[in-house]
C-alpha atoms as a PDB file:
ATOM      1  CA  MET A   1      77.507 170.829 230.377  1.00  0.00           C
ATOM      2  CA  LYS A   2      79.325 169.212 227.441  1.00  0.00           C
ATOM      3  CA  GLN A   3      77.876 165.843 228.343  1.00  0.00           C
ATOM      4  CA  PHE A   4      74.409 167.389 228.424  1.00  0.00           C
ATOM      5  CA  PHE A   5      74.874 168.827 224.894  1.00  0.00           C
ATOM      6  CA  ARG A   6      76.129 165.470 223.634  1.00  0.00           C
ATOM      7  CA  PHE A   7      73.054 163.865 225.099  1.00  0.00           C
ATOM      8  CA  LEU A   8      70.842 166.359 223.277  1.00  0.00           C
ATOM      9  CA  CYS A   9      72.649 165.689 219.970  1.00  0.00           C
ATOM     10  CA  VAL A  10      72.262 161.941 220.354  1.00  0.00           C
ATOM     11  CA  CYS A  11      68.570 162.342 221.147  1.00  0.00           C
ATOM     12  CA  GLY A  12      68.134 164.551 218.065  1.00  0.00           C
ATOM     13  CA  SER A  13      69.839 162.032 215.833  1.00  0.00           C
ATOM     14  CA  VAL A  14      67.702 159.198 217.146  1.00  0.00           C
ATOM     15  CA  ALA A  15      64.560 161.266 216.672  1.00  0.00           C
ATOM     16  CA  ALA A  16      65.571 162.067 213.103  1.00  0.00           C
ATOM     17  CA  LEU A  17      66.142 158.388 212.355  1.00  0.00           C
ATOM     18  CA  VAL A  18      62.821 157.449 213.886  1.00  0.00           C
ATOM     19  CA  MET A  19      60.968 160.130 211.954  1.00  0.00           C
ATOM     20  CA  GLY A  20      62.715 159.102 208.734  1.00  0.00           C
ATOM     21  CA  GLY A  21      61.809 155.469 209.305  1.00  0.00           C
ATOM     22  CA  ALA A  22      58.240 156.397 210.065  1.00  0.00           C
ATOM     23  CA  SER A  23      57.961 158.377 206.841  1.00  0.00           C
ATOM     24  CA  LYS A  24      59.239 155.364 204.878  1.00  0.00           C
ATOM     25  CA  LEU A  25      56.784 153.076 206.591  1.00  0.00           C
ATOM     26  CA  HIS A  26      53.894 155.380 205.721  1.00  0.00           C
ATOM     27  CA  ALA A  27      54.997 156.065 202.141  1.00  0.00           C
ATOM     28  CA  THR A  28      52.557 154.843 199.472  1.00  0.00           C
ATOM     29  CA  GLU A  29      54.967 154.938 196.554  1.00  0.00           C
ATOM     30  CA  PHE A  30      55.910 151.557 195.061  1.00  0.00           C
ATOM     31  CA  VAL A  31      58.006 150.959 191.953  1.00  0.00           C
ATOM     32  CA  GLY A  32      57.247 148.487 189.174  1.00  0.00           C
ATOM     33  CA  LEU A  33      58.089 147.847 185.518  1.00  0.00           C
ATOM     34  CA  VAL A  34      55.991 148.757 182.503  1.00  0.00           C
ATOM     35  CA  HIS A  35      55.030 146.078 179.973  1.00  0.00           C
ATOM     36  CA  PRO A  36      53.007 146.267 176.748  1.00  0.00           C
ATOM     37  CA  VAL A  37      49.525 144.759 176.940  1.00  0.00           C
ATOM     38  CA  ALA A  38      50.538 142.488 174.045  1.00  0.00           C
ATOM     39  CA  ASP A  39      53.978 141.301 172.972  1.00  0.00           C
ATOM     40  CA  VAL A  40      53.607 138.636 170.287  1.00  0.00           C
ATOM     41  CA  LYS A  41      56.188 136.649 168.340  1.00  0.00           C
ATOM     42  CA  PHE A  42      54.855 134.656 165.402  1.00  0.00           C
ATOM     43  CA  GLY A  43      55.752 133.149 162.061  1.00  0.00           C
ATOM     44  CA  VAL A  44      54.313 131.029 159.268  1.00  0.00           C
ATOM     45  CA  ALA A  45      51.878 128.138 159.543  1.00  0.00           C
ATOM     46  CA  VAL A  46      53.285 126.354 156.473  1.00  0.00           C
ATOM     47  CA  ALA A  47      56.763 126.055 155.014  1.00  0.00           C
ATOM     48  CA  GLY A  48      57.656 127.964 151.867  1.00  0.00           C
ATOM     49  CA  VAL A  49      59.775 130.568 150.101  1.00  0.00           C
ATOM     50  CA  VAL A  50      59.275 134.212 151.046  1.00  0.00           C
ATOM     51  CA  GLN A  51      58.034 136.136 148.037  1.00  0.00           C
ATOM     52  CA  LYS A  52      57.532 139.590 149.552  1.00  0.00           C
ATOM     53  CA  VAL A  53      57.966 141.223 152.966  1.00  0.00           C
ATOM     54  CA  GLN A  54      55.437 144.025 153.327  1.00  0.00           C
ATOM     55  CA  VAL A  55      56.621 145.692 156.559  1.00  0.00           C
ATOM     56  CA  LYS A  56      59.767 146.664 158.402  1.00  0.00           C
ATOM     57  CA  PRO A  57      60.544 147.325 162.074  1.00  0.00           C
ATOM     58  CA  GLY A  58      58.824 150.501 163.207  1.00  0.00           C
ATOM     59  CA  HIS A  59      55.771 150.102 160.995  1.00  0.00           C
ATOM     60  CA  MET A  60      52.418 150.443 162.725  1.00  0.00           C
ATOM     61  CA  VAL A  61      49.948 147.860 161.442  1.00  0.00           C
ATOM     62  CA  ALA A  62      46.230 147.235 161.768  1.00  0.00           C
ATOM     63  CA  GLU A  63      44.708 143.915 162.724  1.00  0.00           C
ATOM     64  CA  GLY A  64      44.604 141.657 159.649  1.00  0.00           C
ATOM     65  CA  GLN A  65      47.113 143.723 157.651  1.00  0.00           C
ATOM     66  CA  THR A  66      49.397 141.697 155.372  1.00  0.00           C
ATOM     67  CA  LEU A  67      52.952 141.376 156.665  1.00  0.00           C
ATOM     68  CA  LEU A  68      54.460 138.718 154.422  1.00  0.00           C
ATOM     69  CA  ASP A  69      53.604 136.697 151.302  1.00  0.00           C
ATOM     70  CA  LEU A  70      54.955 133.238 150.572  1.00  0.00           C
ATOM     71  CA  ASP A  71      55.226 131.902 147.021  1.00  0.00           C
ATOM     72  CA  SER A  72      51.715 130.623 146.257  1.00  0.00           C
ATOM     73  CA  SER A  73      51.759 129.854 142.515  1.00  0.00           C
ATOM     74  CA  THR A  74      51.047 126.142 143.071  1.00  0.00           C
ATOM     75  CA  GLN A  75      48.230 126.843 145.514  1.00  0.00           C
ATOM     76  CA  LYS A  76      46.608 129.336 143.122  1.00  0.00           C
ATOM     77  CA  LEU A  77      46.615 126.770 140.319  1.00  0.00           C
ATOM     78  CA  GLU A  78      45.169 124.124 142.641  1.00  0.00           C
ATOM     79  CA  LEU A  79      42.392 126.495 143.712  1.00  0.00           C
ATOM     80  CA  GLU A  80      41.583 127.291 140.089  1.00  0.00           C
ATOM     81  CA  ARG A  81      41.460 123.553 139.261  1.00  0.00           C
ATOM     82  CA  ARG A  82      39.120 122.862 142.178  1.00  0.00           C
ATOM     83  CA  ILE A  83      36.827 125.722 141.133  1.00  0.00           C
ATOM     84  CA  LEU A  84      36.601 124.386 137.553  1.00  0.00           C
ATOM     85  CA  ILE A  85      35.753 120.903 138.823  1.00  0.00           C
ATOM     86  CA  ALA A  86      33.119 122.247 141.205  1.00  0.00           C
ATOM     87  CA  ARG A  87      31.515 124.344 138.453  1.00  0.00           C
ATOM     88  CA  ASP A  88      31.277 121.445 135.989  1.00  0.00           C
ATOM     89  CA  SER A  89      27.728 120.159 136.429  1.00  0.00           C
ATOM     90  CA  SER A  90      27.330 118.361 133.074  1.00  0.00           C
ATOM     91  CA  GLU A  91      27.221 114.863 134.571  1.00  0.00           C
ATOM     92  CA  LEU A  92      24.841 115.976 137.301  1.00  0.00           C
ATOM     93  CA  ASP A  93      22.536 117.628 134.757  1.00  0.00           C
ATOM     94  CA  ALA A  94      22.542 114.483 132.625  1.00  0.00           C
ATOM     95  CA  ALA A  95      21.690 112.338 135.635  1.00  0.00           C
ATOM     96  CA  GLN A  96      18.794 114.629 136.562  1.00  0.00           C
ATOM     97  CA  ALA A  97      17.456 114.525 132.960  1.00  0.00           C
ATOM     98  CA  ARG A  98      17.768 110.722 132.835  1.00  0.00           C
ATOM     99  CA  LEU A  99      15.899 110.333 136.115  1.00  0.00           C
ATOM    100  CA  LYS A 100      13.131 112.607 134.824  1.00  0.00           C
ATOM    101  CA  VAL A 101      12.730 110.468 131.695  1.00  0.00           C
ATOM    102  CA  LEU A 102      12.720 107.271 133.741  1.00  0.00           C
ATOM    103  CA  ASP A 103      10.068 108.789 136.012  1.00  0.00           C
ATOM    104  CA  GLU A 104       7.784 109.289 133.016  1.00  0.00           C
ATOM    105  CA  LEU A 105       8.520 105.840 131.557  1.00  0.00           C
ATOM    106  CA  LEU A 106       7.866 104.150 134.886  1.00  0.00           C
ATOM    107  CA  THR A 107       4.579 106.031 135.326  1.00  0.00           C
ATOM    108  CA  ILE A 108       3.415 105.021 131.839  1.00  0.00           C
ATOM    109  CA  ALA A 109       4.493 101.394 132.309  1.00  0.00           C
ATOM    110  CA  GLU A 110       2.701 101.106 135.653  1.00  0.00           C
ATOM    111  CA  THR A 111      -0.465 102.621 134.156  1.00  0.00           C
ATOM    112  CA  VAL A 112      -0.396 100.220 131.205  1.00  0.00           C
ATOM    113  CA  ALA A 113       0.387  97.243 133.427  1.00  0.00           C
ATOM    114  CA  SER A 114      -2.581  98.048 135.664  1.00  0.00           C
ATOM    115  CA  ARG A 115      -4.985  98.081 132.685  1.00  0.00           C
ATOM    116  CA  SER A 116      -3.661  95.318 130.467  1.00  0.00           C
ATOM    117  CA  GLN A 117      -0.984  92.694 130.010  1.00  0.00           C
ATOM    118  CA  ALA A 118       0.941  94.736 127.407  1.00  0.00           C
ATOM    119  CA  VAL A 119       3.831  95.213 129.870  1.00  0.00           C
ATOM    120  CA  SER A 120       5.133  92.101 131.571  1.00  0.00           C
ATOM    121  CA  ARG A 121       5.924  91.974 135.249  1.00  0.00           C
ATOM    122  CA  GLU A 122       9.596  91.314 134.440  1.00  0.00           C
ATOM    123  CA  GLU A 123       9.844  94.417 132.258  1.00  0.00           C
ATOM    124  CA  LEU A 124       8.193  96.500 134.952  1.00  0.00           C
ATOM    125  CA  LEU A 125      10.623  95.242 137.593  1.00  0.00           C
ATOM    126  CA  LYS A 126      13.587  95.986 135.334  1.00  0.00           C
ATOM    127  CA  LEU A 127      12.308  99.516 134.764  1.00  0.00           C
ATOM    128  CA  ARG A 128      11.829 100.080 138.493  1.00  0.00           C
ATOM    129  CA  LEU A 129      15.352  98.777 139.151  1.00  0.00           C
ATOM    130  CA  GLU A 130      16.759 101.115 136.503  1.00  0.00           C
ATOM    131  CA  HIS A 131      14.826 103.989 138.066  1.00  0.00           C
ATOM    132  CA  LEU A 132      16.265 103.210 141.521  1.00  0.00           C
ATOM    133  CA  SER A 133      19.763 102.990 140.047  1.00  0.00           C
ATOM    134  CA  ALA A 134      19.346 106.377 138.329  1.00  0.00           C
ATOM    135  CA  ARG A 135      18.107 107.962 141.548  1.00  0.00           C
ATOM    136  CA  GLY A 136      21.057 106.516 143.486  1.00  0.00           C
ATOM    137  CA  ARG A 137      23.494 107.815 140.868  1.00  0.00           C
ATOM    138  CA  LEU A 138      21.953 111.282 141.068  1.00  0.00           C
ATOM    139  CA  GLU A 139      22.275 111.352 144.862  1.00  0.00           C
ATOM    140  CA  GLN A 140      25.883 110.174 144.521  1.00  0.00           C
ATOM    141  CA  LEU A 141      26.684 113.012 142.104  1.00  0.00           C
ATOM    142  CA  MET A 142      25.008 115.567 144.371  1.00  0.00           C
ATOM    143  CA  ALA A 143      27.119 114.375 147.302  1.00  0.00           C
ATOM    144  CA  GLN A 144      30.198 114.580 145.075  1.00  0.00           C
ATOM    145  CA  LYS A 145      29.379 118.196 144.233  1.00  0.00           C
ATOM    146  CA  ASN A 146      29.151 118.989 147.941  1.00  0.00           C
ATOM    147  CA  ARG A 147      32.592 117.450 148.458  1.00  0.00           C
ATOM    148  CA  GLU A 148      33.971 119.453 145.562  1.00  0.00           C
ATOM    149  CA  ARG A 149      32.665 122.681 147.100  1.00  0.00           C
ATOM    150  CA  VAL A 150      34.341 121.775 150.386  1.00  0.00           C
ATOM    151  CA  GLU A 151      37.569 121.035 148.501  1.00  0.00           C
ATOM    152  CA  VAL A 152      37.393 124.541 147.000  1.00  0.00           C
ATOM    153  CA  GLN A 153      37.163 125.967 150.510  1.00  0.00           C
ATOM    154  CA  LEU A 154      40.123 123.835 151.639  1.00  0.00           C
ATOM    155  CA  ALA A 155      42.176 125.017 148.666  1.00  0.00           C
ATOM    156  CA  GLN A 156      41.291 128.614 149.564  1.00  0.00           C
ATOM    157  CA  VAL A 157      42.420 128.041 153.157  1.00  0.00           C
ATOM    158  CA  GLU A 158      45.672 126.525 151.899  1.00  0.00           C
ATOM    159  CA  LEU A 159      46.216 129.607 149.745  1.00  0.00           C
ATOM    160  CA  ASP A 160      45.377 131.980 152.608  1.00  0.00           C
ATOM    161  CA  LEU A 161      47.996 130.284 154.799  1.00  0.00           C
ATOM    162  CA  ARG A 162      50.601 131.633 152.379  1.00  0.00           C
ATOM    163  CA  THR A 163      49.796 135.171 153.531  1.00  0.00           C
ATOM    164  CA  ILE A 164      50.885 136.182 157.035  1.00  0.00           C
ATOM    165  CA  ARG A 165      48.662 138.831 158.610  1.00  0.00           C
ATOM    166  CA  ALA A 166      48.941 140.856 161.821  1.00  0.00           C
ATOM    167  CA  PRO A 167      47.053 139.062 164.624  1.00  0.00           C
ATOM    168  CA  ARG A 168      46.236 142.443 166.186  1.00  0.00           C
ATOM    169  CA  ALA A 169      47.001 146.133 165.841  1.00  0.00           C
ATOM    170  CA  GLY A 170      50.419 147.262 167.037  1.00  0.00           C
ATOM    171  CA  THR A 171      53.967 148.160 166.051  1.00  0.00           C
ATOM    172  CA  VAL A 172      56.404 145.791 164.366  1.00  0.00           C
ATOM    173  CA  VAL A 173      59.597 145.834 166.453  1.00  0.00           C
ATOM    174  CA  GLU A 174      61.383 142.817 164.943  1.00  0.00           C
ATOM    175  CA  SER A 175      61.399 141.339 161.443  1.00  0.00           C
ATOM    176  CA  GLU A 176      63.763 138.386 161.053  1.00  0.00           C
ATOM    177  CA  VAL A 177      63.158 137.448 157.410  1.00  0.00           C
ATOM    178  CA  ASP A 178      64.338 138.393 153.922  1.00  0.00           C
ATOM    179  CA  GLU A 179      62.726 137.893 150.552  1.00  0.00           C
ATOM    180  CA  GLY A 180      63.772 134.620 148.929  1.00  0.00           C
ATOM    181  CA  ALA A 181      64.436 132.886 152.247  1.00  0.00           C
ATOM    182  CA  TRP A 182      63.005 129.465 153.094  1.00  0.00           C
ATOM    183  CA  VAL A 183      60.909 129.589 156.244  1.00  0.00           C
ATOM    184  CA  LYS A 184      59.089 126.913 158.197  1.00  0.00           C
ATOM    185  CA  PRO A 185      56.597 126.677 161.058  1.00  0.00           C
ATOM    186  CA  GLY A 186      58.156 127.433 164.420  1.00  0.00           C
ATOM    187  CA  ASP A 187      60.492 130.149 163.151  1.00  0.00           C
ATOM    188  CA  PRO A 188      59.702 133.489 164.902  1.00  0.00           C
ATOM    189  CA  LEU A 189      59.681 135.922 161.991  1.00  0.00           C
ATOM    190  CA  PHE A 190      57.945 138.945 163.485  1.00  0.00           C
ATOM    191  CA  ARG A 191      57.551 140.561 166.878  1.00  0.00           C
ATOM    192  CA  LEU A 192      54.537 142.796 167.336  1.00  0.00           C
ATOM    193  CA  VAL A 193      53.828 144.933 170.404  1.00  0.00           C
ATOM    194  CA  ASP A 194      50.680 146.850 171.255  1.00  0.00           C
ATOM    195  CA  THR A 195      51.432 149.942 173.344  1.00  0.00           C
ATOM    196  CA  ALA A 196      48.033 151.614 173.061  1.00  0.00           C
ATOM    197  CA  GLN A 197      47.749 150.396 176.638  1.00  0.00           C
ATOM    198  CA  VAL A 198      50.548 149.496 179.030  1.00  0.00           C
ATOM    199  CA  GLU A 199      50.585 147.266 182.067  1.00  0.00           C
ATOM    200  CA  LEU A 200      52.363 148.278 185.273  1.00  0.00           C
ATOM    201  CA  ARG A 201      53.493 145.184 187.182  1.00  0.00           C
ATOM    202  CA  LEU A 202      54.202 145.661 190.854  1.00  0.00           C
ATOM    203  CA  ASN A 203      55.237 143.454 193.745  1.00  0.00           C
ATOM    204  CA  LEU A 204      53.434 144.900 196.760  1.00  0.00           C
ATOM    205  CA  PRO A 205      53.461 144.097 200.461  1.00  0.00           C
ATOM    206  CA  LEU A 206      50.524 142.023 201.632  1.00  0.00           C
ATOM    207  CA  ARG A 207      49.090 144.941 203.657  1.00  0.00           C
ATOM    208  CA  VAL A 208      48.875 147.039 200.476  1.00  0.00           C
ATOM    209  CA  ALA A 209      47.833 144.338 198.026  1.00  0.00           C
ATOM    210  CA  GLY A 210      45.122 143.175 200.402  1.00  0.00           C
ATOM    211  CA  ALA A 211      43.268 146.458 199.909  1.00  0.00           C
ATOM    212  CA  LEU A 212      43.262 146.174 196.101  1.00  0.00           C
ATOM    213  CA  ARG A 213      40.597 144.600 193.901  1.00  0.00           C
ATOM    214  CA  ALA A 214      40.236 144.232 190.147  1.00  0.00           C
ATOM    215  CA  GLY A 215      38.480 147.319 188.761  1.00  0.00           C
ATOM    216  CA  MET A 216      39.911 149.790 191.285  1.00  0.00           C
ATOM    217  CA  ARG A 217      41.598 152.912 189.924  1.00  0.00           C
ATOM    218  CA  LEU A 218      45.163 153.877 190.803  1.00  0.00           C
ATOM    219  CA  LYS A 219      47.439 156.811 190.068  1.00  0.00           C
ATOM    220  CA  ALA A 220      51.025 156.340 188.955  1.00  0.00           C
ATOM    221  CA  SER A 221      53.939 158.295 187.511  1.00  0.00           C
ATOM    222  CA  PHE A 222      56.104 157.060 184.671  1.00  0.00           C
ATOM    223  CA  GLU A 223      59.565 157.895 183.390  1.00  0.00           C
ATOM    224  CA  THR A 224      59.522 159.725 180.056  1.00  0.00           C
ATOM    225  CA  SER A 225      62.038 161.264 177.680  1.00  0.00           C
ATOM    226  CA  GLY A 226      61.370 164.658 179.285  1.00  0.00           C
ATOM    227  CA  ARG A 227      62.521 165.893 182.650  1.00  0.00           C
ATOM    228  CA  GLU A 228      59.168 165.564 184.352  1.00  0.00           C
ATOM    229  CA  PRO A 229      57.497 162.191 184.870  1.00  0.00           C
ATOM    230  CA  MET A 230      54.088 161.568 183.351  1.00  0.00           C
ATOM    231  CA  LEU A 231      51.126 161.164 185.697  1.00  0.00           C
ATOM    232  CA  ALA A 232      48.336 158.772 184.701  1.00  0.00           C
ATOM    233  CA  GLU A 233      45.375 156.968 186.177  1.00  0.00           C
ATOM    234  CA  GLY A 234      44.826 153.273 185.480  1.00  0.00           C
ATOM    235  CA  VAL A 235      42.709 150.293 186.456  1.00  0.00           C
ATOM    236  CA  VAL A 236      43.757 147.268 188.490  1.00  0.00           C
ATOM    237  CA  GLN A 237      43.415 144.201 186.284  1.00  0.00           C
ATOM    238  CA  PHE A 238      44.924 141.471 188.430  1.00  0.00           C
ATOM    239  CA  VAL A 239      45.783 140.842 192.063  1.00  0.00           C
ATOM    240  CA  SER A 240      47.474 137.512 192.611  1.00  0.00           C
ATOM    241  CA  PRO A 241      45.859 135.242 195.189  1.00  0.00           C
ATOM    242  CA  LEU A 242      49.373 134.054 196.084  1.00  0.00           C
ATOM    243  CA  ALA A 243      52.273 135.711 197.895  1.00  0.00           C
ATOM    244  CA  ASP A 244      55.894 135.010 197.022  1.00  0.00           C
ATOM    245  CA  ASN A 245      57.370 132.375 199.338  1.00  0.00           C
ATOM    246  CA  ALA A 246      60.654 134.219 199.800  1.00  0.00           C
ATOM    247  CA  SER A 247      59.664 137.885 199.904  1.00  0.00           C
ATOM    248  CA  GLY A 248      56.012 137.720 200.880  1.00  0.00           C
ATOM    249  CA  LEU A 249      55.173 140.189 198.102  1.00  0.00           C
ATOM    250  CA  VAL A 250      52.058 139.958 195.944  1.00  0.00           C
ATOM    251  CA  ASP A 251      51.957 140.351 192.151  1.00  0.00           C
ATOM    252  CA  VAL A 252      49.621 143.216 191.159  1.00  0.00           C
ATOM    253  CA  ARG A 253      49.000 144.480 187.621  1.00  0.00           C
ATOM    254  CA  ALA A 254      47.287 147.676 186.506  1.00  0.00           C
ATOM    255  CA  VAL A 255      46.537 148.853 182.964  1.00  0.00           C
ATOM    256  CA  PHE A 256      47.000 152.472 181.811  1.00  0.00           C
ATOM    257  CA  ALA A 257      45.862 154.105 178.573  1.00  0.00           C
ATOM    258  CA  ASN A 258      48.770 155.130 176.353  1.00  0.00           C
ATOM    259  CA  PRO A 259      47.256 156.438 173.086  1.00  0.00           C
ATOM    260  CA  LYS A 260      50.232 158.663 172.206  1.00  0.00           C
ATOM    261  CA  ALA A 261      52.815 156.017 173.152  1.00  0.00           C
ATOM    262  CA  VAL A 262      54.434 158.383 175.652  1.00  0.00           C
ATOM    263  CA  ILE A 263      54.919 155.603 178.213  1.00  0.00           C
ATOM    264  CA  ARG A 264      57.530 153.178 176.907  1.00  0.00           C
ATOM    265  CA  PRO A 265      57.465 149.534 177.996  1.00  0.00           C
ATOM    266  CA  GLY A 266      60.580 148.738 180.001  1.00  0.00           C
ATOM    267  CA  VAL A 267      60.656 151.958 182.045  1.00  0.00           C
ATOM    268  CA  LYS A 268      59.786 152.234 185.717  1.00  0.00           C
ATOM    269  CA  GLY A 269      56.415 153.274 187.032  1.00  0.00           C
ATOM    270  CA  ARG A 270      55.661 154.457 190.549  1.00  0.00           C
ATOM    271  CA  LEU A 271      52.378 153.860 192.264  1.00  0.00           C
ATOM    272  CA  LEU A 272      51.418 157.123 193.921  1.00  0.00           C
ATOM    273  CA  SER A 273      48.198 156.474 195.765  1.00  0.00           C
ATOM    274  CA  SER A 274      45.782 154.001 197.148  1.00  0.00           C
ATOM    275  CA  PRO A 275      42.771 153.033 195.037  1.00  0.00           C
ATOM    276  CA  VAL A 276      40.376 155.908 194.500  1.00  0.00           C
ATOM    277  CA  ARG A 277      37.275 154.128 193.169  1.00  0.00           C
ATOM    278  CA  SER A 278      36.084 151.135 191.222  1.00  0.00           C
ATOM    279  CA  THR A 279      35.087 151.231 187.586  1.00  0.00           C
ATOM    280  CA  PRO A 280      31.362 150.981 186.982  1.00  0.00           C
END
């Protein structure tokens, strides 16, 4: 009788293990890490001395908002000089007036020469040559004015490079610069993250990833500062065409709206369900 009860216990244990394994095999919960949709480190495009830092870590900024100003006194003077040169049209005006006078003189000389011998052929040729020279000089001055206008634009670009602006909306999380410091291209001065949307990156078995397509909607839960996880629905953005050589897992990424910044990048997210539908 004791042996029979032992046999029943063993059978029960095996059944429990089998049922537990089966439940794991059929589970649809997979864990991944949350990343911001944008995590950008950037600095200056030209070397210079920092005049003013406009933001600090924690500041939320809009796209194009000024973050830092370099000393630009030299560039402002150069822009002003280029503008004055471009606006000075005295030589061009004189060349236009001279050509107009030569036009009239040449017309009169040609009329007189056609009716009488009062104007010699040599004088007429000299006047035509002078007229051509005046026209060439006018065209040269007009081209010079075009170059001067382009130089004004280049000076403006050079001045604009002294102002560092946010490449997109987000939150400044790192600011590695102080006023008065010398900075140069290549130095990462700011780190900006955009958490209005977050990306859940998962490594899924081939049998699961094979059923996913970009545009499908998924449900997931995310760790939060509260006791209960946050449930959200997102869209599959990327399913890798490759599987990892070692594990055989496939990289899958889904994007979730995060307007109130409740989901923090770096926490874990759990995929709760299979895709429910595709986005239109």
